[in-house]
Amino acid sequence: SPVPLTSADSGFRFADLTWRDGEIIAVRE
């Protein structure tokens, strides 16, 4: 059961995901 990390209907897209110190570094569109 995946848990959402970001909001619905925000207009955001994310790519090139990498882990770093408890965060996900990404390119956001």
mmCIF file of all heavy atoms, coordinates in Angstrom:
data_MODEL
# 
_entry.id   MODEL 
# 
loop_
_atom_site.group_PDB 
_atom_site.id 
_atom_site.type_symbol 
_atom_site.label_atom_id 
_atom_site.label_alt_id 
_atom_site.label_comp_id 
_atom_site.label_asym_id 
_atom_site.label_entity_id 
_atom_site.label_seq_id 
_atom_site.pdbx_PDB_ins_code 
_atom_site.Cartn_x 
_atom_site.Cartn_y 
_atom_site.Cartn_z 
_atom_site.occupancy 
_atom_site.B_iso_or_equiv 
_atom_site.pdbx_formal_charge 
_atom_site.auth_seq_id 
_atom_site.auth_comp_id 
_atom_site.auth_asym_id 
_atom_site.auth_atom_id 
_atom_site.pdbx_PDB_model_num 
ATOM 1   N N   . SER A 1 1  ? 0.841  -1.199 0.000   1.00 0.00 ? 1  SER A N   1 
ATOM 2   C CA  . SER A 1 1  ? 0.000  0.000  0.000   1.00 0.00 ? 1  SER A CA  1 
ATOM 3   C C   . SER A 1 1  ? 0.872  1.245  0.000   1.00 0.00 ? 1  SER A C   1 
ATOM 4   O O   . SER A 1 1  ? 1.322  1.705  1.061   1.00 0.00 ? 1  SER A O   1 
ATOM 5   C CB  . SER A 1 1  ? -0.926 0.004  1.227   1.00 0.00 ? 1  SER A CB  1 
ATOM 6   O OG  . SER A 1 1  ? -1.745 -1.139 1.245   1.00 0.00 ? 1  SER A OG  1 
ATOM 7   N N   . PRO A 1 2  ? 1.152  1.825  -1.171  1.00 0.00 ? 2  PRO A N   1 
ATOM 8   C CA  . PRO A 1 2  ? 1.969  3.028  -1.232  1.00 0.00 ? 2  PRO A CA  1 
ATOM 9   C C   . PRO A 1 2  ? 1.322  4.209  -0.508  1.00 0.00 ? 2  PRO A C   1 
ATOM 10  O O   . PRO A 1 2  ? 0.095  4.353  -0.471  1.00 0.00 ? 2  PRO A O   1 
ATOM 11  C CB  . PRO A 1 2  ? 2.082  3.301  -2.734  1.00 0.00 ? 2  PRO A CB  1 
ATOM 12  C CG  . PRO A 1 2  ? 1.823  1.979  -3.387  1.00 0.00 ? 2  PRO A CG  1 
ATOM 13  C CD  . PRO A 1 2  ? 0.815  1.318  -2.510  1.00 0.00 ? 2  PRO A CD  1 
ATOM 14  N N   . VAL A 1 3  ? 2.186  5.059  0.051   1.00 0.00 ? 3  VAL A N   1 
ATOM 15  C CA  . VAL A 1 3  ? 1.758  6.247  0.790   1.00 0.00 ? 3  VAL A CA  1 
ATOM 16  C C   . VAL A 1 3  ? 2.102  7.480  -0.046  1.00 0.00 ? 3  VAL A C   1 
ATOM 17  O O   . VAL A 1 3  ? 3.246  7.626  -0.492  1.00 0.00 ? 3  VAL A O   1 
ATOM 18  C CB  . VAL A 1 3  ? 2.484  6.319  2.152   1.00 0.00 ? 3  VAL A CB  1 
ATOM 19  C CG1 . VAL A 1 3  ? 2.126  7.610  2.883   1.00 0.00 ? 3  VAL A CG1 1 
ATOM 20  C CG2 . VAL A 1 3  ? 2.149  5.098  2.994   1.00 0.00 ? 3  VAL A CG2 1 
ATOM 21  N N   . PRO A 1 4  ? 1.146  8.397  -0.269  1.00 0.00 ? 4  PRO A N   1 
ATOM 22  C CA  . PRO A 1 4  ? 1.461  9.572  -1.079  1.00 0.00 ? 4  PRO A CA  1 
ATOM 23  C C   . PRO A 1 4  ? 2.442  10.507 -0.368  1.00 0.00 ? 4  PRO A C   1 
ATOM 24  O O   . PRO A 1 4  ? 2.330  10.750 0.843   1.00 0.00 ? 4  PRO A O   1 
ATOM 25  C CB  . PRO A 1 4  ? 0.102  10.235 -1.288  1.00 0.00 ? 4  PRO A CB  1 
ATOM 26  C CG  . PRO A 1 4  ? -0.745 9.754  -0.164  1.00 0.00 ? 4  PRO A CG  1 
ATOM 27  C CD  . PRO A 1 4  ? -0.273 8.369  0.152   1.00 0.00 ? 4  PRO A CD  1 
ATOM 28  N N   . LEU A 1 5  ? 3.382  11.036 -1.139  1.00 0.00 ? 5  LEU A N   1 
ATOM 29  C CA  . LEU A 1 5  ? 4.360  11.989 -0.606  1.00 0.00 ? 5  LEU A CA  1 
ATOM 30  C C   . LEU A 1 5  ? 4.088  13.412 -1.078  1.00 0.00 ? 5  LEU A C   1 
ATOM 31  O O   . LEU A 1 5  ? 4.570  14.363 -0.450  1.00 0.00 ? 5  LEU A O   1 
ATOM 32  C CB  . LEU A 1 5  ? 5.782  11.591 -1.026  1.00 0.00 ? 5  LEU A CB  1 
ATOM 33  C CG  . LEU A 1 5  ? 6.297  10.228 -0.565  1.00 0.00 ? 5  LEU A CG  1 
ATOM 34  C CD1 . LEU A 1 5  ? 7.748  10.041 -1.013  1.00 0.00 ? 5  LEU A CD1 1 
ATOM 35  C CD2 . LEU A 1 5  ? 6.189  10.106 0.951   1.00 0.00 ? 5  LEU A CD2 1 
ATOM 36  N N   . THR A 1 6  ? 3.382  13.572 -2.184  1.00 0.00 ? 6  THR A N   1 
ATOM 37  C CA  . THR A 1 6  ? 3.111  14.896 -2.728  1.00 0.00 ? 6  THR A CA  1 
ATOM 38  C C   . THR A 1 6  ? 1.615  15.062 -2.966  1.00 0.00 ? 6  THR A C   1 
ATOM 39  O O   . THR A 1 6  ? 0.862  14.091 -2.988  1.00 0.00 ? 6  THR A O   1 
ATOM 40  C CB  . THR A 1 6  ? 3.871  15.128 -4.050  1.00 0.00 ? 6  THR A CB  1 
ATOM 41  O OG1 . THR A 1 6  ? 3.520  14.108 -4.987  1.00 0.00 ? 6  THR A OG1 1 
ATOM 42  C CG2 . THR A 1 6  ? 5.376  15.111 -3.816  1.00 0.00 ? 6  THR A CG2 1 
ATOM 43  N N   . SER A 1 7  ? 1.199  16.304 -3.159  1.00 0.00 ? 7  SER A N   1 
ATOM 44  C CA  . SER A 1 7  ? -0.219 16.640 -3.214  1.00 0.00 ? 7  SER A CA  1 
ATOM 45  C C   . SER A 1 7  ? -0.856 16.237 -4.539  1.00 0.00 ? 7  SER A C   1 
ATOM 46  O O   . SER A 1 7  ? -0.205 16.218 -5.583  1.00 0.00 ? 7  SER A O   1 
ATOM 47  C CB  . SER A 1 7  ? -0.402 18.142 -3.019  1.00 0.00 ? 7  SER A CB  1 
ATOM 48  O OG  . SER A 1 7  ? 0.125  18.556 -1.785  1.00 0.00 ? 7  SER A OG  1 
ATOM 49  N N   . ALA A 1 8  ? -2.143 15.973 -4.472  1.00 0.00 ? 8  ALA A N   1 
ATOM 50  C CA  . ALA A 1 8  ? -2.928 15.764 -5.684  1.00 0.00 ? 8  ALA A CA  1 
ATOM 51  C C   . ALA A 1 8  ? -3.233 17.109 -6.330  1.00 0.00 ? 8  ALA A C   1 
ATOM 52  O O   . ALA A 1 8  ? -3.288 18.141 -5.657  1.00 0.00 ? 8  ALA A O   1 
ATOM 53  C CB  . ALA A 1 8  ? -4.227 15.035 -5.337  1.00 0.00 ? 8  ALA A CB  1 
ATOM 54  N N   . ASP A 1 9  ? -3.409 17.108 -7.642  1.00 0.00 ? 9  ASP A N   1 
ATOM 55  C CA  . ASP A 1 9  ? -3.833 18.302 -8.386  1.00 0.00 ? 9  ASP A CA  1 
ATOM 56  C C   . ASP A 1 9  ? -2.897 19.485 -8.196  1.00 0.00 ? 9  ASP A C   1 
ATOM 57  O O   . ASP A 1 9  ? -3.318 20.636 -8.200  1.00 0.00 ? 9  ASP A O   1 
ATOM 58  C CB  . ASP A 1 9  ? -5.255 18.709 -7.987  1.00 0.00 ? 9  ASP A CB  1 
ATOM 59  C CG  . ASP A 1 9  ? -6.256 17.581 -8.190  1.00 0.00 ? 9  ASP A CG  1 
ATOM 60  O OD1 . ASP A 1 9  ? -6.140 16.883 -9.213  1.00 0.00 ? 9  ASP A OD1 1 
ATOM 61  O OD2 . ASP A 1 9  ? -7.123 17.400 -7.322  1.00 0.00 ? 9  ASP A OD2 1 
ATOM 62  N N   . SER A 1 10 ? -1.606 19.196 -8.038  1.00 0.00 ? 10 SER A N   1 
ATOM 63  C CA  . SER A 1 10 ? -0.630 20.273 -7.845  1.00 0.00 ? 10 SER A CA  1 
ATOM 64  C C   . SER A 1 10 ? -0.038 20.761 -9.160  1.00 0.00 ? 10 SER A C   1 
ATOM 65  O O   . SER A 1 10 ? 0.597  21.809 -9.210  1.00 0.00 ? 10 SER A O   1 
ATOM 66  C CB  . SER A 1 10 ? 0.506  19.793 -6.936  1.00 0.00 ? 10 SER A CB  1 
ATOM 67  O OG  . SER A 1 10 ? 1.194  18.705 -7.538  1.00 0.00 ? 10 SER A OG  1 
ATOM 68  N N   . GLY A 1 11 ? -0.209 19.965 -10.228 1.00 0.00 ? 11 GLY A N   1 
ATOM 69  C CA  . GLY A 1 11 ? 0.427  20.286 -11.494 1.00 0.00 ? 11 GLY A CA  1 
ATOM 70  C C   . GLY A 1 11 ? 1.883  19.880 -11.548 1.00 0.00 ? 11 GLY A C   1 
ATOM 71  O O   . GLY A 1 11 ? 2.595  20.224 -12.492 1.00 0.00 ? 11 GLY A O   1 
ATOM 72  N N   . PHE A 1 12 ? 2.356  19.124 -10.536 1.00 0.00 ? 12 PHE A N   1 
ATOM 73  C CA  . PHE A 1 12 ? 3.761  18.717 -10.465 1.00 0.00 ? 12 PHE A CA  1 
ATOM 74  C C   . PHE A 1 12 ? 3.971  17.367 -11.151 1.00 0.00 ? 12 PHE A C   1 
ATOM 75  O O   . PHE A 1 12 ? 3.123  16.473 -11.087 1.00 0.00 ? 12 PHE A O   1 
ATOM 76  C CB  . PHE A 1 12 ? 4.229  18.571 -9.017  1.00 0.00 ? 12 PHE A CB  1 
ATOM 77  C CG  . PHE A 1 12 ? 4.213  19.842 -8.212  1.00 0.00 ? 12 PHE A CG  1 
ATOM 78  C CD1 . PHE A 1 12 ? 4.169  19.789 -6.825  1.00 0.00 ? 12 PHE A CD1 1 
ATOM 79  C CD2 . PHE A 1 12 ? 4.242  21.083 -8.828  1.00 0.00 ? 12 PHE A CD2 1 
ATOM 80  C CE1 . PHE A 1 12 ? 4.162  20.945 -6.070  1.00 0.00 ? 12 PHE A CE1 1 
ATOM 81  C CE2 . PHE A 1 12 ? 4.238  22.255 -8.079  1.00 0.00 ? 12 PHE A CE2 1 
ATOM 82  C CZ  . PHE A 1 12 ? 4.192  22.180 -6.696  1.00 0.00 ? 12 PHE A CZ  1 
ATOM 83  N N   . ARG A 1 13 ? 5.137  17.241 -11.786 1.00 0.00 ? 13 ARG A N   1 
ATOM 84  C CA  . ARG A 1 13 ? 5.653  15.962 -12.261 1.00 0.00 ? 13 ARG A CA  1 
ATOM 85  C C   . ARG A 1 13 ? 7.103  15.875 -11.796 1.00 0.00 ? 13 ARG A C   1 
ATOM 86  O O   . ARG A 1 13 ? 7.787  16.899 -11.693 1.00 0.00 ? 13 ARG A O   1 
ATOM 87  C CB  . ARG A 1 13 ? 5.583  15.861 -13.785 1.00 0.00 ? 13 ARG A CB  1 
ATOM 88  C CG  . ARG A 1 13 ? 4.183  16.054 -14.373 1.00 0.00 ? 13 ARG A CG  1 
ATOM 89  C CD  . ARG A 1 13 ? 4.209  16.063 -15.895 1.00 0.00 ? 13 ARG A CD  1 
ATOM 90  N NE  . ARG A 1 13 ? 2.887  16.316 -16.462 1.00 0.00 ? 13 ARG A NE  1 
ATOM 91  C CZ  . ARG A 1 13 ? 2.629  16.368 -17.760 1.00 0.00 ? 13 ARG A CZ  1 
ATOM 92  N NH1 . ARG A 1 13 ? 3.628  16.191 -18.642 1.00 0.00 ? 13 ARG A NH1 1 
ATOM 93  N NH2 . ARG A 1 13 ? 1.413  16.606 -18.201 1.00 0.00 ? 13 ARG A NH2 1 
ATOM 94  N N   . PHE A 1 14 ? 7.593  14.658 -11.544 1.00 0.00 ? 14 PHE A N   1 
ATOM 95  C CA  . PHE A 1 14 ? 8.942  14.472 -11.014 1.00 0.00 ? 14 PHE A CA  1 
ATOM 96  C C   . PHE A 1 14 ? 9.674  13.387 -11.804 1.00 0.00 ? 14 PHE A C   1 
ATOM 97  O O   . PHE A 1 14 ? 9.092  12.385 -12.197 1.00 0.00 ? 14 PHE A O   1 
ATOM 98  C CB  . PHE A 1 14 ? 8.890  14.069 -9.535  1.00 0.00 ? 14 PHE A CB  1 
ATOM 99  C CG  . PHE A 1 14 ? 8.161  15.037 -8.656  1.00 0.00 ? 14 PHE A CG  1 
ATOM 100 C CD1 . PHE A 1 14 ? 6.788  14.917 -8.441  1.00 0.00 ? 14 PHE A CD1 1 
ATOM 101 C CD2 . PHE A 1 14 ? 8.840  16.074 -8.031  1.00 0.00 ? 14 PHE A CD2 1 
ATOM 102 C CE1 . PHE A 1 14 ? 6.107  15.805 -7.623  1.00 0.00 ? 14 PHE A CE1 1 
ATOM 103 C CE2 . PHE A 1 14 ? 8.169  16.971 -7.211  1.00 0.00 ? 14 PHE A CE2 1 
ATOM 104 C CZ  . PHE A 1 14 ? 6.800  16.837 -7.013  1.00 0.00 ? 14 PHE A CZ  1 
ATOM 105 N N   . ALA A 1 15 ? 10.982 13.592 -12.016 1.00 0.00 ? 15 ALA A N   1 
ATOM 106 C CA  . ALA A 1 15 ? 11.795 12.613 -12.742 1.00 0.00 ? 15 ALA A CA  1 
ATOM 107 C C   . ALA A 1 15 ? 13.220 12.653 -12.228 1.00 0.00 ? 15 ALA A C   1 
ATOM 108 O O   . ALA A 1 15 ? 13.598 13.532 -11.442 1.00 0.00 ? 15 ALA A O   1 
ATOM 109 C CB  . ALA A 1 15 ? 11.767 12.902 -14.237 1.00 0.00 ? 15 ALA A CB  1 
ATOM 110 N N   . ASP A 1 16 ? 14.030 11.688 -12.699 1.00 0.00 ? 16 ASP A N   1 
ATOM 111 C CA  . ASP A 1 16 ? 15.439 11.592 -12.312 1.00 0.00 ? 16 ASP A CA  1 
ATOM 112 C C   . ASP A 1 16 ? 15.581 11.529 -10.793 1.00 0.00 ? 16 ASP A C   1 
ATOM 113 O O   . ASP A 1 16 ? 16.370 12.246 -10.181 1.00 0.00 ? 16 ASP A O   1 
ATOM 114 C CB  . ASP A 1 16 ? 16.233 12.779 -12.881 1.00 0.00 ? 16 ASP A CB  1 
ATOM 115 C CG  . ASP A 1 16 ? 17.721 12.486 -12.998 1.00 0.00 ? 16 ASP A CG  1 
ATOM 116 O OD1 . ASP A 1 16 ? 18.133 11.361 -12.656 1.00 0.00 ? 16 ASP A OD1 1 
ATOM 117 O OD2 . ASP A 1 16 ? 18.471 13.387 -13.418 1.00 0.00 ? 16 ASP A OD2 1 
ATOM 118 N N   . LEU A 1 17 ? 14.800 10.626 -10.174 1.00 0.00 ? 17 LEU A N   1 
ATOM 119 C CA  . LEU A 1 17 ? 14.753 10.530 -8.716  1.00 0.00 ? 17 LEU A CA  1 
ATOM 120 C C   . LEU A 1 17 ? 16.017 9.892  -8.153  1.00 0.00 ? 17 LEU A C   1 
ATOM 121 O O   . LEU A 1 17 ? 16.485 8.866  -8.662  1.00 0.00 ? 17 LEU A O   1 
ATOM 122 C CB  . LEU A 1 17 ? 13.549 9.690  -8.277  1.00 0.00 ? 17 LEU A CB  1 
ATOM 123 C CG  . LEU A 1 17 ? 12.162 10.057 -8.814  1.00 0.00 ? 17 LEU A CG  1 
ATOM 124 C CD1 . LEU A 1 17 ? 11.100 9.200  -8.139  1.00 0.00 ? 17 LEU A CD1 1 
ATOM 125 C CD2 . LEU A 1 17 ? 11.865 11.527 -8.618  1.00 0.00 ? 17 LEU A CD2 1 
ATOM 126 N N   . THR A 1 18 ? 16.560 10.486 -7.093  1.00 0.00 ? 18 THR A N   1 
ATOM 127 C CA  . THR A 1 18 ? 17.667 9.892  -6.333  1.00 0.00 ? 18 THR A CA  1 
ATOM 128 C C   . THR A 1 18 ? 17.444 10.173 -4.853  1.00 0.00 ? 18 THR A C   1 
ATOM 129 O O   . THR A 1 18 ? 16.872 11.198 -4.474  1.00 0.00 ? 18 THR A O   1 
ATOM 130 C CB  . THR A 1 18 ? 19.039 10.462 -6.752  1.00 0.00 ? 18 THR A CB  1 
ATOM 131 O OG1 . THR A 1 18 ? 19.028 11.889 -6.620  1.00 0.00 ? 18 THR A OG1 1 
ATOM 132 C CG2 . THR A 1 18 ? 19.369 10.096 -8.190  1.00 0.00 ? 18 THR A CG2 1 
ATOM 133 N N   . TRP A 1 19 ? 17.911 9.243  -4.025  1.00 0.00 ? 19 TRP A N   1 
ATOM 134 C CA  . TRP A 1 19 ? 17.837 9.415  -2.570  1.00 0.00 ? 19 TRP A CA  1 
ATOM 135 C C   . TRP A 1 19 ? 19.024 10.247 -2.083  1.00 0.00 ? 19 TRP A C   1 
ATOM 136 O O   . TRP A 1 19 ? 20.146 10.085 -2.548  1.00 0.00 ? 19 TRP A O   1 
ATOM 137 C CB  . TRP A 1 19 ? 17.900 8.059  -1.876  1.00 0.00 ? 19 TRP A CB  1 
ATOM 138 C CG  . TRP A 1 19 ? 16.612 7.300  -1.864  1.00 0.00 ? 19 TRP A CG  1 
ATOM 139 C CD1 . TRP A 1 19 ? 16.078 6.573  -2.880  1.00 0.00 ? 19 TRP A CD1 1 
ATOM 140 C CD2 . TRP A 1 19 ? 15.702 7.177  -0.772  1.00 0.00 ? 19 TRP A CD2 1 
ATOM 141 N NE1 . TRP A 1 19 ? 14.893 6.003  -2.495  1.00 0.00 ? 19 TRP A NE1 1 
ATOM 142 C CE2 . TRP A 1 19 ? 14.638 6.354  -1.203  1.00 0.00 ? 19 TRP A CE2 1 
ATOM 143 C CE3 . TRP A 1 19 ? 15.685 7.677  0.533   1.00 0.00 ? 19 TRP A CE3 1 
ATOM 144 C CZ2 . TRP A 1 19 ? 13.572 6.023  -0.373  1.00 0.00 ? 19 TRP A CZ2 1 
ATOM 145 C CZ3 . TRP A 1 19 ? 14.626 7.344  1.357   1.00 0.00 ? 19 TRP A CZ3 1 
ATOM 146 C CH2 . TRP A 1 19 ? 13.576 6.527  0.911   1.00 0.00 ? 19 TRP A CH2 1 
ATOM 147 N N   . ARG A 1 20 ? 18.756 11.105 -1.062  1.00 0.00 ? 20 ARG A N   1 
ATOM 148 C CA  . ARG A 1 20 ? 19.838 11.829 -0.403  1.00 0.00 ? 20 ARG A CA  1 
ATOM 149 C C   . ARG A 1 20 ? 19.360 12.312 0.968   1.00 0.00 ? 20 ARG A C   1 
ATOM 150 O O   . ARG A 1 20 ? 18.498 13.187 1.065   1.00 0.00 ? 20 ARG A O   1 
ATOM 151 C CB  . ARG A 1 20 ? 20.309 13.023 -1.232  1.00 0.00 ? 20 ARG A CB  1 
ATOM 152 C CG  . ARG A 1 20 ? 21.530 13.733 -0.645  1.00 0.00 ? 20 ARG A CG  1 
ATOM 153 C CD  . ARG A 1 20 ? 22.028 14.824 -1.581  1.00 0.00 ? 20 ARG A CD  1 
ATOM 154 N NE  . ARG A 1 20 ? 23.268 15.402 -1.097  1.00 0.00 ? 20 ARG A NE  1 
ATOM 155 C CZ  . ARG A 1 20 ? 23.348 16.474 -0.290  1.00 0.00 ? 20 ARG A CZ  1 
ATOM 156 N NH1 . ARG A 1 20 ? 22.234 17.091 0.110   1.00 0.00 ? 20 ARG A NH1 1 
ATOM 157 N NH2 . ARG A 1 20 ? 24.516 16.930 0.105   1.00 0.00 ? 20 ARG A NH2 1 
ATOM 158 N N   . ASP A 1 21 ? 19.908 11.728 2.017   1.00 0.00 ? 21 ASP A N   1 
ATOM 159 C CA  . ASP A 1 21 ? 19.671 12.188 3.392   1.00 0.00 ? 21 ASP A CA  1 
ATOM 160 C C   . ASP A 1 21 ? 18.187 12.345 3.721   1.00 0.00 ? 21 ASP A C   1 
ATOM 161 O O   . ASP A 1 21 ? 17.736 13.395 4.210   1.00 0.00 ? 21 ASP A O   1 
ATOM 162 C CB  . ASP A 1 21 ? 20.386 13.522 3.639   1.00 0.00 ? 21 ASP A CB  1 
ATOM 163 C CG  . ASP A 1 21 ? 21.891 13.430 3.468   1.00 0.00 ? 21 ASP A CG  1 
ATOM 164 O OD1 . ASP A 1 21 ? 22.427 12.318 3.645   1.00 0.00 ? 21 ASP A OD1 1 
ATOM 165 O OD2 . ASP A 1 21 ? 22.520 14.453 3.150   1.00 0.00 ? 21 ASP A OD2 1 
ATOM 166 N N   . GLY A 1 22 ? 17.415 11.303 3.486   1.00 0.00 ? 22 GLY A N   1 
ATOM 167 C CA  . GLY A 1 22 ? 16.003 11.338 3.844   1.00 0.00 ? 22 GLY A CA  1 
ATOM 168 C C   . GLY A 1 22 ? 15.140 12.159 2.916   1.00 0.00 ? 22 GLY A C   1 
ATOM 169 O O   . GLY A 1 22 ? 13.976 12.442 3.242   1.00 0.00 ? 22 GLY A O   1 
ATOM 170 N N   . GLU A 1 23 ? 15.685 12.538 1.765   1.00 0.00 ? 23 GLU A N   1 
ATOM 171 C CA  . GLU A 1 23 ? 14.933 13.297 0.774   1.00 0.00 ? 23 GLU A CA  1 
ATOM 172 C C   . GLU A 1 23 ? 15.095 12.644 -0.593  1.00 0.00 ? 23 GLU A C   1 
ATOM 173 O O   . GLU A 1 23 ? 16.046 11.896 -0.824  1.00 0.00 ? 23 GLU A O   1 
ATOM 174 C CB  . GLU A 1 23 ? 15.426 14.746 0.688   1.00 0.00 ? 23 GLU A CB  1 
ATOM 175 C CG  . GLU A 1 23 ? 15.237 15.551 1.958   1.00 0.00 ? 23 GLU A CG  1 
ATOM 176 C CD  . GLU A 1 23 ? 15.804 16.956 1.824   1.00 0.00 ? 23 GLU A CD  1 
ATOM 177 O OE1 . GLU A 1 23 ? 16.931 17.088 1.292   1.00 0.00 ? 23 GLU A OE1 1 
ATOM 178 O OE2 . GLU A 1 23 ? 15.125 17.911 2.248   1.00 0.00 ? 23 GLU A OE2 1 
ATOM 179 N N   . ILE A 1 24 ? 14.177 12.955 -1.461  1.00 0.00 ? 24 ILE A N   1 
ATOM 180 C CA  . ILE A 1 24 ? 14.306 12.576 -2.858  1.00 0.00 ? 24 ILE A CA  1 
ATOM 181 C C   . ILE A 1 24 ? 14.691 13.826 -3.645  1.00 0.00 ? 24 ILE A C   1 
ATOM 182 O O   . ILE A 1 24 ? 13.984 14.840 -3.608  1.00 0.00 ? 24 ILE A O   1 
ATOM 183 C CB  . ILE A 1 24 ? 12.997 11.992 -3.417  1.00 0.00 ? 24 ILE A CB  1 
ATOM 184 C CG1 . ILE A 1 24 ? 12.729 10.615 -2.806  1.00 0.00 ? 24 ILE A CG1 1 
ATOM 185 C CG2 . ILE A 1 24 ? 13.052 11.887 -4.940  1.00 0.00 ? 24 ILE A CG2 1 
ATOM 186 C CD1 . ILE A 1 24 ? 13.728 9.535  -3.218  1.00 0.00 ? 24 ILE A CD1 1 
ATOM 187 N N   . ILE A 1 25 ? 15.827 13.755 -4.328  1.00 0.00 ? 25 ILE A N   1 
ATOM 188 C CA  . ILE A 1 25 ? 16.245 14.828 -5.224  1.00 0.00 ? 25 ILE A CA  1 
ATOM 189 C C   . ILE A 1 25 ? 15.674 14.511 -6.606  1.00 0.00 ? 25 ILE A C   1 
ATOM 190 O O   . ILE A 1 25 ? 15.782 13.378 -7.081  1.00 0.00 ? 25 ILE A O   1 
ATOM 191 C CB  . ILE A 1 25 ? 17.776 14.948 -5.284  1.00 0.00 ? 25 ILE A CB  1 
ATOM 192 C CG1 . ILE A 1 25 ? 18.353 15.072 -3.864  1.00 0.00 ? 25 ILE A CG1 1 
ATOM 193 C CG2 . ILE A 1 25 ? 18.183 16.132 -6.149  1.00 0.00 ? 25 ILE A CG2 1 
ATOM 194 C CD1 . ILE A 1 25 ? 17.846 16.255 -3.073  1.00 0.00 ? 25 ILE A CD1 1 
ATOM 195 N N   . ALA A 1 26 ? 15.064 15.513 -7.233  1.00 0.00 ? 26 ALA A N   1 
ATOM 196 C CA  . ALA A 1 26 ? 14.374 15.252 -8.502  1.00 0.00 ? 26 ALA A CA  1 
ATOM 197 C C   . ALA A 1 26 ? 14.352 16.506 -9.362  1.00 0.00 ? 26 ALA A C   1 
ATOM 198 O O   . ALA A 1 26 ? 14.506 17.629 -8.878  1.00 0.00 ? 26 ALA A O   1 
ATOM 199 C CB  . ALA A 1 26 ? 12.940 14.788 -8.243  1.00 0.00 ? 26 ALA A CB  1 
ATOM 200 N N   . VAL A 1 27 ? 14.143 16.278 -10.643 1.00 0.00 ? 27 VAL A N   1 
ATOM 201 C CA  . VAL A 1 27 ? 13.759 17.360 -11.549 1.00 0.00 ? 27 VAL A CA  1 
ATOM 202 C C   . VAL A 1 27 ? 12.236 17.453 -11.482 1.00 0.00 ? 27 VAL A C   1 
ATOM 203 O O   . VAL A 1 27 ? 11.538 16.459 -11.704 1.00 0.00 ? 27 VAL A O   1 
ATOM 204 C CB  . VAL A 1 27 ? 14.220 17.078 -12.985 1.00 0.00 ? 27 VAL A CB  1 
ATOM 205 C CG1 . VAL A 1 27 ? 13.672 18.143 -13.936 1.00 0.00 ? 27 VAL A CG1 1 
ATOM 206 C CG2 . VAL A 1 27 ? 15.741 17.029 -13.065 1.00 0.00 ? 27 VAL A CG2 1 
ATOM 207 N N   . ARG A 1 28 ? 11.749 18.667 -11.139 1.00 0.00 ? 28 ARG A N   1 
ATOM 208 C CA  . ARG A 1 28 ? 10.298 18.877 -11.054 1.00 0.00 ? 28 ARG A CA  1 
ATOM 209 C C   . ARG A 1 28 ? 9.828  19.694 -12.253 1.00 0.00 ? 28 ARG A C   1 
ATOM 210 O O   . ARG A 1 28 ? 10.458 20.675 -12.635 1.00 0.00 ? 28 ARG A O   1 
ATOM 211 C CB  . ARG A 1 28 ? 9.927  19.608 -9.767  1.00 0.00 ? 28 ARG A CB  1 
ATOM 212 C CG  . ARG A 1 28 ? 8.435  19.952 -9.667  1.00 0.00 ? 28 ARG A CG  1 
ATOM 213 C CD  . ARG A 1 28 ? 8.061  20.552 -8.336  1.00 0.00 ? 28 ARG A CD  1 
ATOM 214 N NE  . ARG A 1 28 ? 8.691  21.857 -8.089  1.00 0.00 ? 28 ARG A NE  1 
ATOM 215 C CZ  . ARG A 1 28 ? 8.468  22.608 -7.010  1.00 0.00 ? 28 ARG A CZ  1 
ATOM 216 N NH1 . ARG A 1 28 ? 7.629  22.168 -6.070  1.00 0.00 ? 28 ARG A NH1 1 
ATOM 217 N NH2 . ARG A 1 28 ? 9.092  23.764 -6.855  1.00 0.00 ? 28 ARG A NH2 1 
ATOM 218 N N   . GLU A 1 29 ? 8.707  19.265 -12.814 1.00 0.00 ? 29 GLU A N   1 
ATOM 219 C CA  . GLU A 1 29 ? 8.068  19.977 -13.909 1.00 0.00 ? 29 GLU A CA  1 
ATOM 220 C C   . GLU A 1 29 ? 6.710  20.449 -13.402 1.00 0.00 ? 29 GLU A C   1 
ATOM 221 O O   . GLU A 1 29 ? 5.906  19.639 -12.930 1.00 0.00 ? 29 GLU A O   1 
ATOM 222 C CB  . GLU A 1 29 ? 7.915  19.026 -15.096 1.00 0.00 ? 29 GLU A CB  1 
ATOM 223 C CG  . GLU A 1 29 ? 7.453  19.656 -16.388 1.00 0.00 ? 29 GLU A CG  1 
ATOM 224 C CD  . GLU A 1 29 ? 7.457  18.635 -17.524 1.00 0.00 ? 29 GLU A CD  1 
ATOM 225 O OE1 . GLU A 1 29 ? 8.511  18.482 -18.177 1.00 0.00 ? 29 GLU A OE1 1 
ATOM 226 O OE2 . GLU A 1 29 ? 6.416  17.977 -17.735 1.00 0.00 ? 29 GLU A OE2 1 
# 
